[in-house]
PDB file of N, CA and C in Angstrom:
ATOM      1  N   MET A   1      81.461-221.405-152.132  1.00  0.00           N
ATOM      2  CA  MET A   1      81.923-222.709-152.566  1.00  0.00           C
ATOM      3  C   MET A   1      82.519-222.594-153.962  1.00  0.00           C
ATOM      4  N   GLU A   2      83.586-223.320-154.186  1.00  0.00           N
ATOM      5  CA  GLU A   2      84.239-223.328-155.476  1.00  0.00           C
ATOM      6  C   GLU A   2      84.440-224.768-155.918  1.00  0.00           C
ATOM      7  N   SER A   3      84.589-224.954-157.233  1.00  0.00           N
ATOM      8  CA  SER A   3      84.794-226.287-157.786  1.00  0.00           C
ATOM      9  C   SER A   3      86.262-226.503-158.121  1.00  0.00           C
ATOM     10  N   ALA A   4      86.657-227.761-158.086  1.00  0.00           N
ATOM     11  CA  ALA A   4      87.990-228.174-158.511  1.00  0.00           C
ATOM     12  C   ALA A   4      87.868-229.553-159.135  1.00  0.00           C
ATOM     13  N   VAL A   5      88.749-229.845-160.072  1.00  0.00           N
ATOM     14  CA  VAL A   5      88.796-231.154-160.711  1.00  0.00           C
ATOM     15  C   VAL A   5      90.023-231.866-160.164  1.00  0.00           C
ATOM     16  N   ILE A   6      89.832-233.061-159.641  1.00  0.00           N
ATOM     17  CA  ILE A   6      90.912-233.845-159.044  1.00  0.00           C
ATOM     18  C   ILE A   6      91.355-234.929-160.020  1.00  0.00           C
ATOM     19  N   LEU A   7      92.667-234.978-160.281  1.00  0.00           N
ATOM     20  CA  LEU A   7      93.265-236.021-161.110  1.00  0.00           C
ATOM     21  C   LEU A   7      94.157-236.867-160.201  1.00  0.00           C
ATOM     22  N   LEU A   8      94.097-238.175-160.344  1.00  0.00           N
ATOM     23  CA  LEU A   8      94.870-239.098-159.516  1.00  0.00           C
ATOM     24  C   LEU A   8      95.720-239.997-160.404  1.00  0.00           C
ATOM     25  N   CYS A   9      97.032-239.995-160.185  1.00  0.00           N
ATOM     26  CA  CYS A   9      97.938-240.843-160.965  1.00  0.00           C
ATOM     27  C   CYS A   9      97.812-242.289-160.491  1.00  0.00           C
ATOM     28  N   PRO A  10      97.525-243.230-161.401  1.00  0.00           N
ATOM     29  CA  PRO A  10      97.378-244.629-161.006  1.00  0.00           C
ATOM     30  C   PRO A  10      98.714-245.314-160.732  1.00  0.00           C
ATOM     31  N   ILE A  11      99.801-244.651-161.054  1.00  0.00           N
ATOM     32  CA  ILE A  11     101.109-245.272-160.867  1.00  0.00           C
ATOM     33  C   ILE A  11     101.717-244.902-159.519  1.00  0.00           C
ATOM     34  N   CYS A  12     101.783-243.601-159.219  1.00  0.00           N
ATOM     35  CA  CYS A  12     102.427-243.167-157.980  1.00  0.00           C
ATOM     36  C   CYS A  12     101.443-242.615-156.960  1.00  0.00           C
ATOM     37  N   ASN A  13     100.158-242.564-157.314  1.00  0.00           N
ATOM     38  CA  ASN A  13      99.108-242.080-156.415  1.00  0.00           C
ATOM     39  C   ASN A  13      99.188-240.584-156.153  1.00  0.00           C
ATOM     40  N   ALA A  14      99.928-239.848-156.985  1.00  0.00           N
ATOM     41  CA  ALA A  14      99.995-238.393-156.829  1.00  0.00           C
ATOM     42  C   ALA A  14      98.663-237.779-157.255  1.00  0.00           C
ATOM     43  N   ILE A  15      98.385-236.615-156.710  1.00  0.00           N
ATOM     44  CA  ILE A  15      97.127-235.923-156.984  1.00  0.00           C
ATOM     45  C   ILE A  15      97.420-234.542-157.533  1.00  0.00           C
ATOM     46  N   HIS A  16      96.575-234.114-158.466  1.00  0.00           N
ATOM     47  CA  HIS A  16      96.665-232.758-159.005  1.00  0.00           C
ATOM     48  C   HIS A  16      95.254-232.204-159.098  1.00  0.00           C
ATOM     49  N   ALA A  17      95.088-230.970-158.676  1.00  0.00           N
ATOM     50  CA  ALA A  17      93.778-230.327-158.728  1.00  0.00           C
ATOM     51  C   ALA A  17      93.817-229.179-159.733  1.00  0.00           C
ATOM     52  N   LEU A  18      92.732-229.026-160.459  1.00  0.00           N
ATOM     53  CA  LEU A  18      92.572-227.919-161.399  1.00  0.00           C
ATOM     54  C   LEU A  18      91.392-227.090-160.932  1.00  0.00           C
ATOM     55  N   GLU A  19      91.567-225.780-160.888  1.00  0.00           N
ATOM     56  CA  GLU A  19      90.473-224.914-160.462  1.00  0.00           C
ATOM     57  C   GLU A  19      89.360-224.920-161.498  1.00  0.00           C
ATOM     58  N   GLY A  20      88.127-224.925-161.046  1.00  0.00           N
ATOM     59  CA  GLY A  20      86.981-224.853-161.942  1.00  0.00           C
ATOM     60  C   GLY A  20      86.215-226.155-162.029  1.00  0.00           C
ATOM     61  N   ARG A  21      85.219-226.140-162.892  1.00  0.00           N
ATOM     62  CA  ARG A  21      84.337-227.297-163.083  1.00  0.00           C
ATOM     63  C   ARG A  21      84.892-228.200-164.179  1.00  0.00           C
ATOM     64  N   ARG A  22      84.518-229.462-164.133  1.00  0.00           N
ATOM     65  CA  ARG A  22      84.999-230.451-165.101  1.00  0.00           C
ATOM     66  C   ARG A  22      84.641-230.048-166.527  1.00  0.00           C
ATOM     67  N   ASN A  23      83.453-229.489-166.723  1.00  0.00           N
ATOM     68  CA  ASN A  23      83.028-229.139-168.077  1.00  0.00           C
ATOM     69  C   ASN A  23      83.739-227.900-168.627  1.00  0.00           C
ATOM     70  N   GLU A  24      84.569-227.241-167.824  1.00  0.00           N
ATOM     71  CA  GLU A  24      85.359-226.102-168.291  1.00  0.00           C
ATOM     72  C   GLU A  24      86.645-226.543-168.971  1.00  0.00           C
ATOM     73  N   TYR A  25      86.981-227.817-168.867  1.00  0.00           N
ATOM     74  CA  TYR A  25      88.217-228.343-169.439  1.00  0.00           C
ATOM     75  C   TYR A  25      87.902-229.330-170.552  1.00  0.00           C
ATOM     76  N   SER A  26      88.560-229.156-171.677  1.00  0.00           N
ATOM     77  CA  SER A  26      88.420-230.137-172.756  1.00  0.00           C
ATOM     78  C   SER A  26      89.234-231.373-172.372  1.00  0.00           C
ATOM     79  N   LYS A  27      88.919-232.485-172.994  1.00  0.00           N
ATOM     80  CA  LYS A  27      89.696-233.697-172.729  1.00  0.00           C
ATOM     81  C   LYS A  27      91.158-233.458-173.086  1.00  0.00           C
ATOM     82  N   GLN A  28      91.406-232.706-174.153  1.00  0.00           N
ATOM     83  CA  GLN A  28      92.781-232.435-174.570  1.00  0.00           C
ATOM     84  C   GLN A  28      93.551-231.671-173.492  1.00  0.00           C
ATOM     85  N   GLU A  29      92.901-230.717-172.830  1.00  0.00           N
ATOM     86  CA  GLU A  29      93.561-229.976-171.752  1.00  0.00           C
ATOM     87  C   GLU A  29      93.901-230.903-170.586  1.00  0.00           C
ATOM     88  N   LEU A  30      92.992-231.812-170.267  1.00  0.00           N
ATOM     89  CA  LEU A  30      93.250-232.768-169.188  1.00  0.00           C
ATOM     90  C   LEU A  30      94.347-233.748-169.593  1.00  0.00           C
ATOM     91  N   PHE A  31      94.293-234.222-170.853  1.00  0.00           N
ATOM     92  CA  PHE A  31      95.339-235.133-171.345  1.00  0.00           C
ATOM     93  C   PHE A  31      96.709-234.478-171.216  1.00  0.00           C
ATOM     94  N   SER A  32      96.794-233.201-171.515  1.00  0.00           N
ATOM     95  CA  SER A  32      98.058-232.474-171.443  1.00  0.00           C
ATOM     96  C   SER A  32      98.601-232.461-170.018  1.00  0.00           C
ATOM     97  N   GLN A  33      97.739-232.205-169.042  1.00  0.00           N
ATOM     98  CA  GLN A  33      98.148-232.207-167.640  1.00  0.00           C
ATOM     99  C   GLN A  33      98.679-233.575-167.217  1.00  0.00           C
ATOM    100  N   VAL A  34      97.979-234.612-167.638  1.00  0.00           N
ATOM    101  CA  VAL A  34      98.347-235.971-167.245  1.00  0.00           C
ATOM    102  C   VAL A  34      99.605-236.424-167.971  1.00  0.00           C
ATOM    103  N   LYS A  35      99.703-236.124-169.257  1.00  0.00           N
ATOM    104  CA  LYS A  35     100.852-236.558-170.050  1.00  0.00           C
ATOM    105  C   LYS A  35     102.149-235.986-169.485  1.00  0.00           C
ATOM    106  N   THR A  36     102.123-234.725-169.092  1.00  0.00           N
ATOM    107  CA  THR A  36     103.306-234.093-168.513  1.00  0.00           C
ATOM    108  C   THR A  36     103.762-234.856-167.266  1.00  0.00           C
ATOM    109  N   HIS A  37     102.824-235.236-166.428  1.00  0.00           N
ATOM    110  CA  HIS A  37     103.171-235.975-165.214  1.00  0.00           C
ATOM    111  C   HIS A  37     103.668-237.389-165.545  1.00  0.00           C
ATOM    112  N   LEU A  38     102.995-238.069-166.445  1.00  0.00           N
ATOM    113  CA  LEU A  38     103.344-239.456-166.754  1.00  0.00           C
ATOM    114  C   LEU A  38     104.714-239.593-167.412  1.00  0.00           C
ATOM    115  N   ARG A  39     105.179-238.549-168.062  1.00  0.00           N
ATOM    116  CA  ARG A  39     106.531-238.601-168.654  1.00  0.00           C
ATOM    117  C   ARG A  39     107.577-238.942-167.602  1.00  0.00           C
ATOM    118  N   GLY A  40     107.358-238.502-166.397  1.00  0.00           N
ATOM    119  CA  GLY A  40     108.296-238.769-165.311  1.00  0.00           C
ATOM    120  C   GLY A  40     108.342-240.219-164.879  1.00  0.00           C
ATOM    121  N   HIS A  41     107.387-241.014-165.326  1.00  0.00           N
ATOM    122  CA  HIS A  41     107.361-242.430-164.959  1.00  0.00           C
ATOM    123  C   HIS A  41     108.070-243.312-165.970  1.00  0.00           C
ATOM    124  N   ASP A  42     108.608-242.716-167.019  1.00  0.00           N
ATOM    125  CA  ASP A  42     109.374-243.446-168.032  1.00  0.00           C
ATOM    126  C   ASP A  42     108.573-244.608-168.641  1.00  0.00           C
ATOM    127  N   LEU A  43     107.341-244.321-169.028  1.00  0.00           N
ATOM    128  CA  LEU A  43     106.493-245.314-169.684  1.00  0.00           C
ATOM    129  C   LEU A  43     106.664-245.199-171.191  1.00  0.00           C
ATOM    130  N   ASN A  44     106.522-246.322-171.886  1.00  0.00           N
ATOM    131  CA  ASN A  44     106.539-246.206-173.340  1.00  0.00           C
ATOM    132  C   ASN A  44     105.199-245.628-173.796  1.00  0.00           C
ATOM    133  N   GLU A  45     105.099-245.156-175.014  1.00  0.00           N
ATOM    134  CA  GLU A  45     103.924-244.412-175.474  1.00  0.00           C
ATOM    135  C   GLU A  45     102.602-245.173-175.330  1.00  0.00           C
ATOM    136  N   PRO A  46     102.491-246.458-175.725  1.00  0.00           N
ATOM    137  CA  PRO A  46     101.195-247.133-175.549  1.00  0.00           C
ATOM    138  C   PRO A  46     100.759-247.202-174.084  1.00  0.00           C
ATOM    139  N   LYS A  47     101.692-247.479-173.178  1.00  0.00           N
ATOM    140  CA  LYS A  47     101.341-247.528-171.758  1.00  0.00           C
ATOM    141  C   LYS A  47     100.927-246.147-171.273  1.00  0.00           C
ATOM    142  N   MET A  48     101.642-245.107-171.733  1.00  0.00           N
ATOM    143  CA  MET A  48     101.318-243.755-171.312  1.00  0.00           C
ATOM    144  C   MET A  48      99.927-243.377-171.799  1.00  0.00           C
ATOM    145  N   ALA A  49      99.601-243.738-173.023  1.00  0.00           N
ATOM    146  CA  ALA A  49      98.286-243.409-173.574  1.00  0.00           C
ATOM    147  C   ALA A  49      97.178-244.079-172.772  1.00  0.00           C
ATOM    148  N   ILE A  50      97.372-245.336-172.429  1.00  0.00           N
ATOM    149  CA  ILE A  50      96.368-246.066-171.642  1.00  0.00           C
ATOM    150  C   ILE A  50      96.177-245.394-170.293  1.00  0.00           C
ATOM    151  N   ARG A  51      97.255-245.071-169.621  1.00  0.00           N
ATOM    152  CA  ARG A  51      97.186-244.433-168.307  1.00  0.00           C
ATOM    153  C   ARG A  51      96.556-243.040-168.409  1.00  0.00           C
ATOM    154  N   LYS A  52      96.951-242.297-169.433  1.00  0.00           N
ATOM    155  CA  LYS A  52      96.458-240.937-169.612  1.00  0.00           C
ATOM    156  C   LYS A  52      94.946-240.932-169.772  1.00  0.00           C
ATOM    157  N   TYR A  53      94.423-241.804-170.620  1.00  0.00           N
ATOM    158  CA  TYR A  53      92.980-241.873-170.816  1.00  0.00           C
ATOM    159  C   TYR A  53      92.265-242.323-169.549  1.00  0.00           C
ATOM    160  N   GLY A  54      92.885-243.220-168.796  1.00  0.00           N
ATOM    161  CA  GLY A  54      92.287-243.682-167.549  1.00  0.00           C
ATOM    162  C   GLY A  54      92.183-242.581-166.510  1.00  0.00           C
ATOM    163  N   VAL A  55      93.240-241.786-166.380  1.00  0.00           N
ATOM    164  CA  VAL A  55      93.234-240.702-165.400  1.00  0.00           C
ATOM    165  C   VAL A  55      92.162-239.681-165.753  1.00  0.00           C
ATOM    166  N   VAL A  56      92.071-239.330-167.027  1.00  0.00           N
ATOM    167  CA  VAL A  56      91.073-238.337-167.447  1.00  0.00           C
ATOM    168  C   VAL A  56      89.662-238.875-167.257  1.00  0.00           C
ATOM    169  N   SER A  57      89.433-240.134-167.583  1.00  0.00           N
ATOM    170  CA  SER A  57      88.078-240.679-167.433  1.00  0.00           C
ATOM    171  C   SER A  57      87.683-240.799-165.962  1.00  0.00           C
ATOM    172  N   ASP A  58      88.660-240.901-165.064  1.00  0.00           N
ATOM    173  CA  ASP A  58      88.380-240.993-163.633  1.00  0.00           C
ATOM    174  C   ASP A  58      88.410-239.644-162.920  1.00  0.00           C
ATOM    175  N   ALA A  59      88.590-238.556-163.667  1.00  0.00           N
ATOM    176  CA  ALA A  59      88.644-237.218-163.053  1.00  0.00           C
ATOM    177  C   ALA A  59      87.374-236.977-162.244  1.00  0.00           C
ATOM    178  N   THR A  60      87.545-236.413-161.069  1.00  0.00           N
ATOM    179  CA  THR A  60      86.435-236.178-160.160  1.00  0.00           C
ATOM    180  C   THR A  60      86.308-234.685-159.885  1.00  0.00           C
ATOM    181  N   GLU A  61      85.110-234.164-160.007  1.00  0.00           N
ATOM    182  CA  GLU A  61      84.864-232.758-159.665  1.00  0.00           C
ATOM    183  C   GLU A  61      84.379-232.682-158.230  1.00  0.00           C
ATOM    184  N   ILE A  62      84.977-231.791-157.462  1.00  0.00           N
ATOM    185  CA  ILE A  62      84.557-231.592-156.079  1.00  0.00           C
ATOM    186  C   ILE A  62      84.213-230.121-155.872  1.00  0.00           C
ATOM    187  N   VAL A  63      83.432-229.852-154.859  1.00  0.00           N
ATOM    188  CA  VAL A  63      83.093-228.483-154.473  1.00  0.00           C
ATOM    189  C   VAL A  63      83.584-228.300-153.048  1.00  0.00           C
ATOM    190  N   VAL A  64      84.415-227.271-152.849  1.00  0.00           N
ATOM    191  CA  VAL A  64      84.987-227.001-151.534  1.00  0.00           C
ATOM    192  C   VAL A  64      84.757-225.543-151.159  1.00  0.00           C
ATOM    193  N   PRO A  65      84.751-225.255-149.879  1.00  0.00           N
ATOM    194  CA  PRO A  65      84.632-223.854-149.454  1.00  0.00           C
ATOM    195  C   PRO A  65      85.810-223.043-149.986  1.00  0.00           C
ATOM    196  N   SER A  66      85.582-221.807-150.350  1.00  0.00           N
ATOM    197  CA  SER A  66      86.622-220.937-150.906  1.00  0.00           C
ATOM    198  C   SER A  66      87.854-220.861-150.007  1.00  0.00           C
ATOM    199  N   LYS A  67      87.659-220.843-148.707  1.00  0.00           N
ATOM    200  CA  LYS A  67      88.789-220.689-147.793  1.00  0.00           C
ATOM    201  C   LYS A  67      89.707-221.913-147.774  1.00  0.00           C
ATOM    202  N   THR A  68      89.223-223.078-148.166  1.00  0.00           N
ATOM    203  CA  THR A  68      90.071-224.271-148.168  1.00  0.00           C
ATOM    204  C   THR A  68      90.585-224.632-149.557  1.00  0.00           C
ATOM    205  N   ARG A  69      90.140-223.933-150.587  1.00  0.00           N
ATOM    206  CA  ARG A  69      90.573-224.235-151.953  1.00  0.00           C
ATOM    207  C   ARG A  69      92.088-224.150-152.103  1.00  0.00           C
ATOM    208  N   ARG A  70      92.709-223.201-151.435  1.00  0.00           N
ATOM    209  CA  ARG A  70      94.153-223.020-151.580  1.00  0.00           C
ATOM    210  C   ARG A  70      94.948-224.183-150.983  1.00  0.00           C
ATOM    211  N   GLN A  71      94.298-225.067-150.232  1.00  0.00           N
ATOM    212  CA  GLN A  71      94.981-226.234-149.679  1.00  0.00           C
ATOM    213  C   GLN A  71      95.087-227.371-150.697  1.00  0.00           C
ATOM    214  N   LEU A  72      94.366-227.263-151.801  1.00  0.00           N
ATOM    215  CA  LEU A  72      94.410-228.303-152.828  1.00  0.00           C
ATOM    216  C   LEU A  72      95.723-228.209-153.611  1.00  0.00           C
ATOM    217  N   PRO A  73      96.202-229.323-154.161  1.00  0.00           N
ATOM    218  CA  PRO A  73      97.468-229.319-154.918  1.00  0.00           C
ATOM    219  C   PRO A  73      97.272-228.773-156.342  1.00  0.00           C
ATOM    220  N   ILE A  74      97.033-227.479-156.456  1.00  0.00           N
ATOM    221  CA  ILE A  74      96.704-226.873-157.741  1.00  0.00           C
ATOM    222  C   ILE A  74      97.950-226.573-158.571  1.00  0.00           C
ATOM    223  N   LYS A  75      99.058-226.240-157.941  1.00  0.00           N
ATOM    224  CA  LYS A  75     100.244-225.830-158.694  1.00  0.00           C
ATOM    225  C   LYS A  75     101.034-226.997-159.269  1.00  0.00           C
ATOM    226  N   GLU A  76     100.998-228.132-158.614  1.00  0.00           N
ATOM    227  CA  GLU A  76     101.782-229.271-159.082  1.00  0.00           C
ATOM    228  C   GLU A  76     101.191-230.577-158.563  1.00  0.00           C
ATOM    229  N   TRP A  77     101.660-231.680-159.133  1.00  0.00           N
ATOM    230  CA  TRP A  77     101.274-233.001-158.668  1.00  0.00           C
ATOM    231  C   TRP A  77     101.930-233.205-157.302  1.00  0.00           C
ATOM    232  N   THR A  78     101.181-233.727-156.361  1.00  0.00           N
ATOM    233  CA  THR A  78     101.657-233.916-154.998  1.00  0.00           C
ATOM    234  C   THR A  78     101.303-235.319-154.541  1.00  0.00           C
ATOM    235  N   GLU A  79     102.210-235.939-153.779  1.00  0.00           N
ATOM    236  CA  GLU A  79     101.934-237.285-153.269  1.00  0.00           C
ATOM    237  C   GLU A  79     100.639-237.280-152.466  1.00  0.00           C
ATOM    238  N   ARG A  80      99.869-238.333-152.641  1.00  0.00           N
ATOM    239  CA  ARG A  80      98.553-238.408-152.006  1.00  0.00           C
ATOM    240  C   ARG A  80      98.626-238.260-150.488  1.00  0.00           C
ATOM    241  N   ASP A  81      99.618-238.877-149.869  1.00  0.00           N
ATOM    242  CA  ASP A  81      99.741-238.804-148.412  1.00  0.00           C
ATOM    243  C   ASP A  81     100.092-237.403-147.927  1.00  0.00           C
ATOM    244  N   ASP A  82     100.648-236.578-148.802  1.00  0.00           N
ATOM    245  CA  ASP A  82     101.035-235.215-148.445  1.00  0.00           C
ATOM    246  C   ASP A  82      99.999-234.188-148.884  1.00  0.00           C
ATOM    247  N   THR A  83      98.848-234.649-149.336  1.00  0.00           N
ATOM    248  CA  THR A  83      97.839-233.768-149.905  1.00  0.00           C
ATOM    249  C   THR A  83      96.598-233.721-149.035  1.00  0.00           C
ATOM    250  N   TRP A  84      96.113-232.518-148.781  1.00  0.00           N
ATOM    251  CA  TRP A  84      94.838-232.367-148.101  1.00  0.00           C
ATOM    252  C   TRP A  84      93.730-232.481-149.133  1.00  0.00           C
ATOM    253  N   LEU A  85      92.769-233.337-148.859  1.00  0.00           N
ATOM    254  CA  LEU A  85      91.551-233.431-149.653  1.00  0.00           C
ATOM    255  C   LEU A  85      90.384-233.544-148.691  1.00  0.00           C
ATOM    256  N   PRO A  86      89.250-232.971-149.032  1.00  0.00           N
ATOM    257  CA  PRO A  86      88.080-233.118-148.165  1.00  0.00           C
ATOM    258  C   PRO A  86      87.632-234.574-148.100  1.00  0.00           C
ATOM    259  N   ASP A  87      87.003-234.961-147.009  1.00  0.00           N
ATOM    260  CA  ASP A  87      86.470-236.317-146.887  1.00  0.00           C
ATOM    261  C   ASP A  87      85.582-236.631-148.082  1.00  0.00           C
ATOM    262  N   GLY A  88      85.745-237.812-148.634  1.00  0.00           N
ATOM    263  CA  GLY A  88      84.907-238.256-149.734  1.00  0.00           C
ATOM    264  C   GLY A  88      85.316-237.724-151.095  1.00  0.00           C
ATOM    265  N   ALA A  89      86.439-237.017-151.171  1.00  0.00           N
ATOM    266  CA  ALA A  89      86.860-236.445-152.454  1.00  0.00           C
ATOM    267  C   ALA A  89      87.245-237.525-153.457  1.00  0.00           C
ATOM    268  N   LEU A  90      87.760-238.623-152.989  1.00  0.00           N
ATOM    269  CA  LEU A  90      88.098-239.757-153.853  1.00  0.00           C
ATOM    270  C   LEU A  90      87.310-240.962-153.367  1.00  0.00           C
ATOM    271  N   SER A  91      87.065-241.888-154.231  1.00  0.00           N
ATOM    272  CA  SER A  91      86.275-243.049-153.842  1.00  0.00           C
ATOM    273  C   SER A  91      86.862-243.703-152.606  1.00  0.00           C
ATOM    274  N   GLY A  92      86.028-243.914-151.635  1.00  0.00           N
ATOM    275  CA  GLY A  92      86.462-244.503-150.377  1.00  0.00           C
ATOM    276  C   GLY A  92      86.991-243.482-149.396  1.00  0.00           C
ATOM    277  N   GLY A  93      87.447-242.326-149.909  1.00  0.00           N
ATOM    278  CA  GLY A  93      87.939-241.272-149.047  1.00  0.00           C
ATOM    279  C   GLY A  93      89.196-241.610-148.285  1.00  0.00           C
ATOM    280  N   GLU A  94      89.819-242.781-148.543  1.00  0.00           N
ATOM    281  CA  GLU A  94      90.996-243.154-147.788  1.00  0.00           C
ATOM    282  C   GLU A  94      92.177-242.298-148.203  1.00  0.00           C
ATOM    283  N   GLY A  95      93.042-242.029-147.269  1.00  0.00           N
ATOM    284  CA  GLY A  95      94.238-241.261-147.547  1.00  0.00           C
ATOM    285  C   GLY A  95      94.021-239.760-147.516  1.00  0.00           C
ATOM    286  N   SER A  96      92.793-239.303-147.353  1.00  0.00           N
ATOM    287  CA  SER A  96      92.586-237.864-147.318  1.00  0.00           C
ATOM    288  C   SER A  96      92.801-237.360-145.902  1.00  0.00           C
ATOM    289  N   GLN A  97      93.425-236.213-145.825  1.00  0.00           N
ATOM    290  CA  GLN A  97      93.656-235.593-144.537  1.00  0.00           C
ATOM    291  C   GLN A  97      92.749-234.387-144.487  1.00  0.00           C
ATOM    292  N   SER A  98      91.733-234.445-143.654  1.00  0.00           N
ATOM    293  CA  SER A  98      90.744-233.380-143.675  1.00  0.00           C
ATOM    294  C   SER A  98      90.600-232.738-142.308  1.00  0.00           C
ATOM    295  N   THR A  99      89.968-231.605-142.330  1.00  0.00           N
ATOM    296  CA  THR A  99      89.686-230.897-141.102  1.00  0.00           C
ATOM    297  C   THR A  99      88.232-231.139-140.747  1.00  0.00           C
ATOM    298  N   PRO A 100      87.844-230.969-139.494  1.00  0.00           N
ATOM    299  CA  PRO A 100      86.467-231.255-139.091  1.00  0.00           C
ATOM    300  C   PRO A 100      85.429-230.452-139.861  1.00  0.00           C
ATOM    301  N   GLU A 101      85.787-229.236-140.316  1.00  0.00           N
ATOM    302  CA  GLU A 101      84.802-228.430-141.010  1.00  0.00           C
ATOM    303  C   GLU A 101      84.700-228.758-142.497  1.00  0.00           C
ATOM    304  N   SER A 102      85.378-229.806-142.939  1.00  0.00           N
ATOM    305  CA  SER A 102      85.361-230.154-144.359  1.00  0.00           C
ATOM    306  C   SER A 102      83.970-230.528-144.825  1.00  0.00           C
ATOM    307  N   SER A 103      83.610-229.962-145.947  1.00  0.00           N
ATOM    308  CA  SER A 103      82.374-230.389-146.595  1.00  0.00           C
ATOM    309  C   SER A 103      82.677-230.463-148.073  1.00  0.00           C
ATOM    310  N   VAL A 104      82.142-231.460-148.713  1.00  0.00           N
ATOM    311  CA  VAL A 104      82.487-231.658-150.120  1.00  0.00           C
ATOM    312  C   VAL A 104      81.302-232.262-150.841  1.00  0.00           C
ATOM    313  N   GLU A 105      81.094-231.796-152.052  1.00  0.00           N
ATOM    314  CA  GLU A 105      80.158-232.438-152.947  1.00  0.00           C
ATOM    315  C   GLU A 105      81.006-233.085-154.024  1.00  0.00           C
ATOM    316  N   VAL A 106      80.771-234.357-154.305  1.00  0.00           N
ATOM    317  CA  VAL A 106      81.575-235.082-155.268  1.00  0.00           C
ATOM    318  C   VAL A 106      80.723-235.460-156.456  1.00  0.00           C
ATOM    319  N   SER A 107      81.275-235.219-157.633  1.00  0.00           N
ATOM    320  CA  SER A 107      80.611-235.609-158.870  1.00  0.00           C
ATOM    321  C   SER A 107      81.574-236.451-159.672  1.00  0.00           C
ATOM    322  N   SER A 108      81.331-237.732-159.759  1.00  0.00           N
ATOM    323  CA  SER A 108      82.204-238.605-160.542  1.00  0.00           C
ATOM    324  C   SER A 108      81.848-238.475-162.004  1.00  0.00           C
ATOM    325  N   LEU A 109      82.848-238.240-162.818  1.00  0.00           N
ATOM    326  CA  LEU A 109      82.593-237.980-164.244  1.00  0.00           C
ATOM    327  C   LEU A 109      83.084-239.088-165.104  1.00  0.00           C
TER     328      LEU A 109
END
C-alpha cells in the first residue's frame, strides 16, 4: 500500500495527486502546486489566495495498493470525470471511477 495526497480544484473540479503522505509536504509546497493550476483560471490575486488556501486545507491523504497508484493523476491536473480514484477518496465518493478491487483508507486533513 502506498499513500497519495489528493488536491481538488474548487473551480473546475480537476484533481491532482502527489505521491507520499500529507505530512511529507509543507504547506508552501502544496500552495505552489495549487497556485500553478489556479493561474489558468485567470483569477485576481485575492481570489486566487482564497482558493489556494481552501484547496490545501481540504487536501485528502489516501492509501492505495501499489499496483493502482499509477492510475492516479500524479503528473498533471486532470478533470475529475476523467480521473480514476478509489471509492471514498473524496467526500461522498461521487464521480470516482473505481474497479471492484479498490480499497482505500481516507484521512481528511
